PDB file of all heavy atoms in Angstrom:
ATOM      1  N   LEU A   1       0.099  -7.577   4.455  1.00  0.00           N
ATOM      2  CA  LEU A   1       1.534  -7.568   4.052  1.00  0.00           C
ATOM      3  C   LEU A   1       2.212  -8.870   4.466  1.00  0.00           C
ATOM      4  O   LEU A   1       3.074  -9.390   3.745  1.00  0.00           O
ATOM      5  CB  LEU A   1       2.207  -6.363   4.706  1.00  0.00           C
ATOM      6  CG  LEU A   1       3.682  -6.169   4.310  1.00  0.00           C
ATOM      7  CD1 LEU A   1       3.854  -6.024   2.800  1.00  0.00           C
ATOM      8  CD2 LEU A   1       4.247  -4.914   5.020  1.00  0.00           C
ATOM      9  N   GLY A   2       1.779  -9.385   5.587  1.00  0.00           N
ATOM     10  CA  GLY A   2       2.346 -10.733   5.992  1.00  0.00           C
ATOM     11  C   GLY A   2       2.022 -11.827   5.001  1.00  0.00           C
ATOM     12  O   GLY A   2       2.852 -12.689   4.721  1.00  0.00           O
ATOM     13  N   ILE A   3       0.819 -11.787   4.441  1.00  0.00           N
ATOM     14  CA  ILE A   3       0.440 -12.772   3.432  1.00  0.00           C
ATOM     15  C   ILE A   3       1.281 -12.531   2.200  1.00  0.00           C
ATOM     16  O   ILE A   3       1.745 -13.506   1.547  1.00  0.00           O
ATOM     17  CB  ILE A   3      -1.075 -12.618   3.104  1.00  0.00           C
ATOM     18  CG1 ILE A   3      -1.903 -13.059   4.317  1.00  0.00           C
ATOM     19  CG2 ILE A   3      -1.438 -13.474   1.861  1.00  0.00           C
ATOM     20  CD1 ILE A   3      -3.359 -12.702   4.224  1.00  0.00           C
ATOM     21  N   VAL A   4       1.466 -11.281   1.773  1.00  0.00           N
ATOM     22  CA  VAL A   4       2.300 -10.977   0.612  1.00  0.00           C
ATOM     23  C   VAL A   4       3.701 -11.524   0.788  1.00  0.00           C
ATOM     24  O   VAL A   4       4.253 -12.210  -0.107  1.00  0.00           O
ATOM     25  CB  VAL A   4       2.366  -9.437   0.380  1.00  0.00           C
ATOM     26  CG1 VAL A   4       3.455  -9.125  -0.656  1.00  0.00           C
ATOM     27  CG2 VAL A   4       1.004  -8.921  -0.069  1.00  0.00           C
ATOM     28  N   ASP A   5       4.318 -11.282   1.918  1.00  0.00           N
ATOM     29  CA  ASP A   5       5.654 -11.764   2.173  1.00  0.00           C
ATOM     30  C   ASP A   5       5.701 -13.304   2.210  1.00  0.00           C
ATOM     31  O   ASP A   5       6.700 -13.900   1.742  1.00  0.00           O
ATOM     32  CB  ASP A   5       6.236 -11.166   3.468  1.00  0.00           C
ATOM     33  CG  ASP A   5       6.619  -9.707   3.344  1.00  0.00           C
ATOM     34  OD1 ASP A   5       6.866  -9.269   2.161  1.00  0.00           O
ATOM     35  OD2 ASP A   5       6.621  -8.988   4.347  1.00  0.00           O
ATOM     36  N   GLY A   6       4.679 -13.915   2.673  1.00  0.00           N
ATOM     37  CA  GLY A   6       4.603 -15.376   2.669  1.00  0.00           C
ATOM     38  C   GLY A   6       4.515 -15.932   1.271  1.00  0.00           C
ATOM     39  O   GLY A   6       5.186 -16.914   0.925  1.00  0.00           O
ATOM     40  N   LEU A   7       3.759 -15.274   0.445  1.00  0.00           N
ATOM     41  CA  LEU A   7       3.643 -15.716  -0.971  1.00  0.00           C
ATOM     42  C   LEU A   7       4.973 -15.533  -1.702  1.00  0.00           C
ATOM     43  O   LEU A   7       5.397 -16.413  -2.463  1.00  0.00           O
ATOM     44  CB  LEU A   7       2.569 -14.912  -1.684  1.00  0.00           C
ATOM     45  CG  LEU A   7       1.101 -15.206  -1.273  1.00  0.00           C
ATOM     46  CD1 LEU A   7       0.155 -14.134  -1.817  1.00  0.00           C
ATOM     47  CD2 LEU A   7       0.698 -16.591  -1.699  1.00  0.00           C
ATOM     48  N   LEU A   8       5.645 -14.425  -1.485  1.00  0.00           N
ATOM     49  CA  LEU A   8       6.950 -14.178  -2.065  1.00  0.00           C
ATOM     50  C   LEU A   8       7.973 -15.233  -1.616  1.00  0.00           C
ATOM     51  O   LEU A   8       8.780 -15.714  -2.444  1.00  0.00           O
ATOM     52  CB  LEU A   8       7.439 -12.784  -1.774  1.00  0.00           C
ATOM     53  CG  LEU A   8       6.565 -11.601  -2.370  1.00  0.00           C
ATOM     54  CD1 LEU A   8       7.057 -10.300  -1.839  1.00  0.00           C
ATOM     55  CD2 LEU A   8       6.628 -11.636  -3.894  1.00  0.00           C
ATOM     56  N   ALA A   9       7.926 -15.535  -0.328  1.00  0.00           N
ATOM     57  CA  ALA A   9       8.875 -16.511   0.216  1.00  0.00           C
ATOM     58  C   ALA A   9       8.700 -17.894  -0.394  1.00  0.00           C
ATOM     59  O   ALA A   9       9.623 -18.703  -0.420  1.00  0.00           O
ATOM     60  CB  ALA A   9       8.745 -16.574   1.733  1.00  0.00           C
ATOM     61  N   ARG A  10       7.500 -18.148  -0.897  1.00  0.00           N
ATOM     62  CA  ARG A  10       7.204 -19.436  -1.553  1.00  0.00           C
ATOM     63  C   ARG A  10       7.302 -19.388  -3.057  1.00  0.00           C
ATOM     64  O   ARG A  10       6.905 -20.281  -3.753  1.00  0.00           O
ATOM     65  CB  ARG A  10       5.826 -19.914  -1.131  1.00  0.00           C
ATOM     66  CG  ARG A  10       5.726 -20.386   0.317  1.00  0.00           C
ATOM     67  CD  ARG A  10       4.334 -20.389   0.827  1.00  0.00           C
ATOM     68  NE  ARG A  10       4.173 -21.105   2.051  1.00  0.00           N
ATOM     69  CZ  ARG A  10       4.495 -20.621   3.257  1.00  0.00           C
ATOM     70  NH1 ARG A  10       4.970 -19.430   3.338  1.00  0.00           N
ATOM     71  NH2 ARG A  10       4.328 -21.335   4.347  1.00  0.00           N
ATOM     72  N   GLY A  11       7.839 -18.288  -3.587  1.00  0.00           N
ATOM     73  CA  GLY A  11       8.097 -18.211  -5.028  1.00  0.00           C
ATOM     74  C   GLY A  11       6.995 -17.562  -5.827  1.00  0.00           C
ATOM     75  O   GLY A  11       7.045 -17.477  -7.059  1.00  0.00           O
ATOM     76  N   GLY A  12       5.933 -17.077  -5.199  1.00  0.00           N
ATOM     77  CA  GLY A  12       4.838 -16.465  -5.910  1.00  0.00           C
ATOM     78  C   GLY A  12       5.100 -15.041  -6.340  1.00  0.00           C
ATOM     79  O   GLY A  12       6.054 -14.401  -5.878  1.00  0.00           O
ATOM     80  N   ARG A  13       4.288 -14.544  -7.217  1.00  0.00           N
ATOM     81  CA  ARG A  13       4.270 -13.119  -7.642  1.00  0.00           C
ATOM     82  C   ARG A  13       2.971 -12.531  -7.138  1.00  0.00           C
ATOM     83  O   ARG A  13       1.943 -13.228  -7.146  1.00  0.00           O
ATOM     84  CB  ARG A  13       4.466 -12.968  -9.135  1.00  0.00           C
ATOM     85  CG  ARG A  13       5.829 -13.432  -9.645  1.00  0.00           C
ATOM     86  CD  ARG A  13       5.874 -13.467 -11.146  1.00  0.00           C
ATOM     87  NE  ARG A  13       5.102 -14.570 -11.677  1.00  0.00           N
ATOM     88  CZ  ARG A  13       4.845 -14.756 -12.990  1.00  0.00           C
ATOM     89  NH1 ARG A  13       5.325 -13.903 -13.857  1.00  0.00           N
ATOM     90  NH2 ARG A  13       4.147 -15.795 -13.392  1.00  0.00           N
ATOM     91  N   VAL A  14       2.985 -11.245  -6.757  1.00  0.00           N
ATOM     92  CA  VAL A  14       1.833 -10.684  -6.062  1.00  0.00           C
ATOM     93  C   VAL A  14       1.480  -9.318  -6.619  1.00  0.00           C
ATOM     94  O   VAL A  14       2.347  -8.479  -6.794  1.00  0.00           O
ATOM     95  CB  VAL A  14       2.108 -10.628  -4.565  1.00  0.00           C
ATOM     96  CG1 VAL A  14       0.824 -10.234  -3.816  1.00  0.00           C
ATOM     97  CG2 VAL A  14       2.654 -11.934  -4.013  1.00  0.00           C
ATOM     98  N   VAL A  15       0.171  -9.102  -6.759  1.00  0.00           N
ATOM     99  CA  VAL A  15      -0.370  -7.749  -6.975  1.00  0.00           C
ATOM    100  C   VAL A  15      -0.802  -7.243  -5.646  1.00  0.00           C
ATOM    101  O   VAL A  15      -1.671  -7.815  -5.001  1.00  0.00           O
ATOM    102  CB  VAL A  15      -1.546  -7.760  -7.977  1.00  0.00           C
ATOM    103  CG1 VAL A  15      -2.119  -6.333  -8.107  1.00  0.00           C
ATOM    104  CG2 VAL A  15      -1.099  -8.320  -9.353  1.00  0.00           C
ATOM    105  N   ILE A  16      -0.184  -6.157  -5.160  1.00  0.00           N
ATOM    106  CA  ILE A  16      -0.565  -5.573  -3.885  1.00  0.00           C
ATOM    107  C   ILE A  16      -1.498  -4.376  -4.136  1.00  0.00           C
ATOM    108  O   ILE A  16      -1.535  -3.859  -5.241  1.00  0.00           O
ATOM    109  CB  ILE A  16       0.634  -5.150  -3.061  1.00  0.00           C
ATOM    110  CG1 ILE A  16       1.388  -4.011  -3.762  1.00  0.00           C
ATOM    111  CG2 ILE A  16       1.513  -6.333  -2.780  1.00  0.00           C
ATOM    112  CD1 ILE A  16       2.473  -3.322  -2.915  1.00  0.00           C
ATOM    113  N   ASN A  17      -2.189  -3.976  -3.106  1.00  0.00           N
ATOM    114  CA  ASN A  17      -3.171  -2.904  -3.214  1.00  0.00           C
ATOM    115  C   ASN A  17      -3.279  -2.102  -1.934  1.00  0.00           C
ATOM    116  O   ASN A  17      -3.261  -2.720  -0.844  1.00  0.00           O
ATOM    117  CB  ASN A  17      -4.516  -3.472  -3.648  1.00  0.00           C
ATOM    118  CG  ASN A  17      -5.651  -2.556  -3.281  1.00  0.00           C
ATOM    119  OD1 ASN A  17      -6.375  -2.829  -2.294  1.00  0.00           O
ATOM    120  ND2 ASN A  17      -5.884  -1.482  -3.972  1.00  0.00           N
ATOM    121  N   GLY A  18      -3.403  -0.830  -2.011  1.00  0.00           N
ATOM    122  CA  GLY A  18      -3.630   0.068  -0.887  1.00  0.00           C
ATOM    123  C   GLY A  18      -4.051   1.403  -1.310  1.00  0.00           C
ATOM    124  O   GLY A  18      -3.909   1.775  -2.483  1.00  0.00           O
ATOM    125  N   ARG A  19      -4.575   2.204  -0.422  1.00  0.00           N
ATOM    126  CA  ARG A  19      -5.090   3.554  -0.772  1.00  0.00           C
ATOM    127  C   ARG A  19      -4.009   4.628  -0.752  1.00  0.00           C
ATOM    128  O   ARG A  19      -4.178   5.650  -1.456  1.00  0.00           O
ATOM    129  CB  ARG A  19      -6.240   3.905   0.149  1.00  0.00           C
ATOM    130  CG  ARG A  19      -7.480   3.102  -0.023  1.00  0.00           C
ATOM    131  CD  ARG A  19      -8.596   3.561   0.823  1.00  0.00           C
ATOM    132  NE  ARG A  19      -8.284   3.372   2.238  1.00  0.00           N
ATOM    133  CZ  ARG A  19      -9.043   3.780   3.240  1.00  0.00           C
ATOM    134  NH1 ARG A  19     -10.160   4.475   3.019  1.00  0.00           N
ATOM    135  NH2 ARG A  19      -8.713   3.515   4.485  1.00  0.00           N
ATOM    136  N   ASP A  20      -2.888   4.430  -0.029  1.00  0.00           N
ATOM    137  CA  ASP A  20      -1.899   5.401   0.046  1.00  0.00           C
ATOM    138  C   ASP A  20      -0.795   5.131  -0.982  1.00  0.00           C
ATOM    139  O   ASP A  20      -0.112   4.138  -0.908  1.00  0.00           O
ATOM    140  CB  ASP A  20      -1.303   5.472   1.450  1.00  0.00           C
ATOM    141  CG  ASP A  20      -0.256   6.542   1.604  1.00  0.00           C
ATOM    142  OD1 ASP A  20      -0.636   7.748   1.634  1.00  0.00           O
ATOM    143  OD2 ASP A  20       0.950   6.209   1.625  1.00  0.00           O
ATOM    144  N   GLU A  21      -0.591   6.049  -1.949  1.00  0.00           N
ATOM    145  CA  GLU A  21       0.284   5.782  -3.050  1.00  0.00           C
ATOM    146  C   GLU A  21       1.750   5.608  -2.562  1.00  0.00           C
ATOM    147  O   GLU A  21       2.466   4.735  -3.000  1.00  0.00           O
ATOM    148  CB  GLU A  21       0.243   6.912  -4.070  1.00  0.00           C
ATOM    149  CG  GLU A  21       1.168   6.685  -5.246  1.00  0.00           C
ATOM    150  CD  GLU A  21       0.960   7.672  -6.372  1.00  0.00           C
ATOM    151  OE1 GLU A  21       0.182   8.700  -6.206  1.00  0.00           O
ATOM    152  OE2 GLU A  21       1.569   7.526  -7.440  1.00  0.00           O
ATOM    153  N   ALA A  22       2.196   6.498  -1.658  1.00  0.00           N
ATOM    154  CA  ALA A  22       3.568   6.403  -1.171  1.00  0.00           C
ATOM    155  C   ALA A  22       3.828   5.078  -0.523  1.00  0.00           C
ATOM    156  O   ALA A  22       4.893   4.449  -0.712  1.00  0.00           O
ATOM    157  CB  ALA A  22       3.829   7.541  -0.211  1.00  0.00           C
ATOM    158  N   THR A  23       2.869   4.569   0.247  1.00  0.00           N
ATOM    159  CA  THR A  23       3.063   3.284   0.920  1.00  0.00           C
ATOM    160  C   THR A  23       3.071   2.123  -0.053  1.00  0.00           C
ATOM    161  O   THR A  23       3.902   1.214   0.043  1.00  0.00           O
ATOM    162  CB  THR A  23       1.961   3.050   1.992  1.00  0.00           C
ATOM    163  OG1 THR A  23       1.956   4.152   2.903  1.00  0.00           O
ATOM    164  CG2 THR A  23       2.237   1.785   2.783  1.00  0.00           C
ATOM    165  N   VAL A  24       2.194   2.179  -1.018  1.00  0.00           N
ATOM    166  CA  VAL A  24       2.153   1.096  -2.044  1.00  0.00           C
ATOM    167  C   VAL A  24       3.490   1.083  -2.760  1.00  0.00           C
ATOM    168  O   VAL A  24       4.080   0.018  -2.983  1.00  0.00           O
ATOM    169  CB  VAL A  24       1.007   1.346  -3.029  1.00  0.00           C
ATOM    170  CG1 VAL A  24       1.125   0.408  -4.251  1.00  0.00           C
ATOM    171  CG2 VAL A  24      -0.345   1.144  -2.334  1.00  0.00           C
ATOM    172  N   ARG A  25       3.986   2.222  -3.159  1.00  0.00           N
ATOM    173  CA  ARG A  25       5.220   2.285  -3.908  1.00  0.00           C
ATOM    174  C   ARG A  25       6.443   1.826  -3.063  1.00  0.00           C
ATOM    175  O   ARG A  25       7.353   1.170  -3.526  1.00  0.00           O
ATOM    176  CB  ARG A  25       5.487   3.692  -4.480  1.00  0.00           C
ATOM    177  CG  ARG A  25       4.372   4.187  -5.396  1.00  0.00           C
ATOM    178  CD  ARG A  25       4.085   3.235  -6.513  1.00  0.00           C
ATOM    179  NE  ARG A  25       2.900   3.667  -7.312  1.00  0.00           N
ATOM    180  CZ  ARG A  25       2.100   2.830  -7.965  1.00  0.00           C
ATOM    181  NH1 ARG A  25       2.317   1.523  -7.917  1.00  0.00           N
ATOM    182  NH2 ARG A  25       1.072   3.275  -8.666  1.00  0.00           N
ATOM    183  N   GLU A  26       6.383   2.172  -1.790  1.00  0.00           N
ATOM    184  CA  GLU A  26       7.470   1.760  -0.891  1.00  0.00           C
ATOM    185  C   GLU A  26       7.475   0.234  -0.745  1.00  0.00           C
ATOM    186  O   GLU A  26       8.584  -0.381  -0.796  1.00  0.00           O
ATOM    187  CB  GLU A  26       7.248   2.416   0.476  1.00  0.00           C
ATOM    188  CG  GLU A  26       8.344   2.086   1.505  1.00  0.00           C
ATOM    189  CD  GLU A  26       8.060   2.683   2.877  1.00  0.00           C
ATOM    190  OE1 GLU A  26       7.126   3.510   2.975  1.00  0.00           O
ATOM    191  OE2 GLU A  26       8.805   2.361   3.797  1.00  0.00           O
ATOM    192  N   VAL A  27       6.373  -0.335  -0.516  1.00  0.00           N
ATOM    193  CA  VAL A  27       6.283  -1.802  -0.369  1.00  0.00           C
ATOM    194  C   VAL A  27       6.719  -2.487  -1.648  1.00  0.00           C
ATOM    195  O   VAL A  27       7.491  -3.479  -1.664  1.00  0.00           O
ATOM    196  CB  VAL A  27       4.879  -2.268   0.014  1.00  0.00           C
ATOM    197  CG1 VAL A  27       4.709  -3.771  -0.087  1.00  0.00           C
ATOM    198  CG2 VAL A  27       4.507  -1.744   1.388  1.00  0.00           C
ATOM    199  N   GLN A  28       6.271  -1.968  -2.784  1.00  0.00           N
ATOM    200  CA  GLN A  28       6.590  -2.526  -4.096  1.00  0.00           C
ATOM    201  C   GLN A  28       8.088  -2.422  -4.346  1.00  0.00           C
ATOM    202  O   GLN A  28       8.721  -3.413  -4.744  1.00  0.00           O
ATOM    203  CB  GLN A  28       5.821  -1.786  -5.156  1.00  0.00           C
ATOM    204  CG  GLN A  28       6.079  -2.314  -6.592  1.00  0.00           C
ATOM    205  CD  GLN A  28       5.285  -1.524  -7.613  1.00  0.00           C
ATOM    206  OE1 GLN A  28       4.624  -0.513  -7.293  1.00  0.00           O
ATOM    207  NE2 GLN A  28       5.398  -1.930  -8.860  1.00  0.00           N
ATOM    208  N   SER A  29       8.640  -1.274  -4.104  1.00  0.00           N
ATOM    209  CA  SER A  29      10.077  -1.066  -4.343  1.00  0.00           C
ATOM    210  C   SER A  29      10.951  -1.965  -3.496  1.00  0.00           C
ATOM    211  O   SER A  29      11.940  -2.485  -4.005  1.00  0.00           O
ATOM    212  CB  SER A  29      10.436   0.415  -4.070  1.00  0.00           C
ATOM    213  OG  SER A  29      11.818   0.632  -4.212  1.00  0.00           O
ATOM    214  N   ALA A  30      10.552  -2.206  -2.255  1.00  0.00           N
ATOM    215  CA  ALA A  30      11.350  -3.011  -1.347  1.00  0.00           C
ATOM    216  C   ALA A  30      11.330  -4.494  -1.750  1.00  0.00           C
ATOM    217  O   ALA A  30      12.202  -5.285  -1.322  1.00  0.00           O
ATOM    218  CB  ALA A  30      10.858  -2.870   0.053  1.00  0.00           C
ATOM    219  N   ARG A  31      10.343  -4.921  -2.574  1.00  0.00           N
ATOM    220  CA  ARG A  31      10.212  -6.302  -2.911  1.00  0.00           C
ATOM    221  C   ARG A  31      10.484  -6.632  -4.357  1.00  0.00           C
ATOM    222  O   ARG A  31      10.385  -7.790  -4.737  1.00  0.00           O
ATOM    223  CB  ARG A  31       8.809  -6.769  -2.459  1.00  0.00           C
ATOM    224  CG  ARG A  31       8.708  -6.884  -0.935  1.00  0.00           C
ATOM    225  CD  ARG A  31       7.281  -6.792  -0.410  1.00  0.00           C
ATOM    226  NE  ARG A  31       7.277  -6.897   1.008  1.00  0.00           N
ATOM    227  CZ  ARG A  31       7.553  -5.896   1.866  1.00  0.00           C
ATOM    228  NH1 ARG A  31       7.885  -4.687   1.337  1.00  0.00           N
ATOM    229  NH2 ARG A  31       7.546  -6.049   3.143  1.00  0.00           N
ATOM    230  N   GLY A  32      10.830  -5.649  -5.137  1.00  0.00           N
ATOM    231  CA  GLY A  32      11.290  -5.902  -6.494  1.00  0.00           C
ATOM    232  C   GLY A  32      10.249  -6.231  -7.495  1.00  0.00           C
ATOM    233  O   GLY A  32       9.054  -6.020  -7.318  1.00  0.00           O
ATOM    234  N   ASP A  33      10.681  -6.891  -8.623  1.00  0.00           N
ATOM    235  CA  ASP A  33       9.797  -7.102  -9.737  1.00  0.00           C
ATOM    236  C   ASP A  33       8.846  -8.254  -9.588  1.00  0.00           C
ATOM    237  O   ASP A  33       8.047  -8.598 -10.478  1.00  0.00           O
ATOM    238  CB  ASP A  33      10.615  -7.282 -11.033  1.00  0.00           C
ATOM    239  CG  ASP A  33      11.611  -8.410 -10.963  1.00  0.00           C
ATOM    240  OD1 ASP A  33      11.549  -9.200  -9.980  1.00  0.00           O
ATOM    241  OD2 ASP A  33      12.403  -8.555 -11.897  1.00  0.00           O
ATOM    242  N   MET A  34       8.890  -8.884  -8.409  1.00  0.00           N
ATOM    243  CA  MET A  34       7.931  -9.963  -8.139  1.00  0.00           C
ATOM    244  C   MET A  34       6.595  -9.344  -7.638  1.00  0.00           C
ATOM    245  O   MET A  34       5.608 -10.074  -7.402  1.00  0.00           O
ATOM    246  CB  MET A  34       8.471 -10.951  -7.075  1.00  0.00           C
ATOM    247  CG  MET A  34       9.702 -11.638  -7.539  1.00  0.00           C
ATOM    248  SD  MET A  34       9.404 -12.781  -8.874  1.00  0.00           S
ATOM    249  CE  MET A  34       8.731 -14.191  -7.993  1.00  0.00           C
ATOM    250  N   VAL A  35       6.579  -8.020  -7.436  1.00  0.00           N
ATOM    251  CA  VAL A  35       5.365  -7.371  -6.916  1.00  0.00           C
ATOM    252  C   VAL A  35       4.934  -6.249  -7.870  1.00  0.00           C
ATOM    253  O   VAL A  35       5.774  -5.488  -8.361  1.00  0.00           O
ATOM    254  CB  VAL A  35       5.661  -6.776  -5.527  1.00  0.00           C
ATOM    255  CG1 VAL A  35       4.548  -5.852  -5.062  1.00  0.00           C
ATOM    256  CG2 VAL A  35       5.882  -7.876  -4.513  1.00  0.00           C
ATOM    257  N   ALA A  36       3.666  -6.147  -8.105  1.00  0.00           N
ATOM    258  CA  ALA A  36       3.061  -5.026  -8.828  1.00  0.00           C
ATOM    259  C   ALA A  36       2.085  -4.288  -7.874  1.00  0.00           C
ATOM    260  O   ALA A  36       1.422  -4.954  -7.104  1.00  0.00           O
ATOM    261  CB  ALA A  36       2.302  -5.492 -10.071  1.00  0.00           C
ATOM    262  N   GLY A  37       2.075  -2.982  -7.901  1.00  0.00           N
ATOM    263  CA  GLY A  37       1.260  -2.242  -6.977  1.00  0.00           C
ATOM    264  C   GLY A  37       0.137  -1.484  -7.676  1.00  0.00           C
ATOM    265  O   GLY A  37       0.328  -0.876  -8.757  1.00  0.00           O
TER     266      GLY A  37
END
């Protein structure tokens, strides 16, 4: 997650991944349309 936030802070877009659906959606929602889960 630290890497994801660093990429976003530098203007990147990120595909995140995890096994827990609720957590993936929470992280995605908090970071907007620059993130796909």
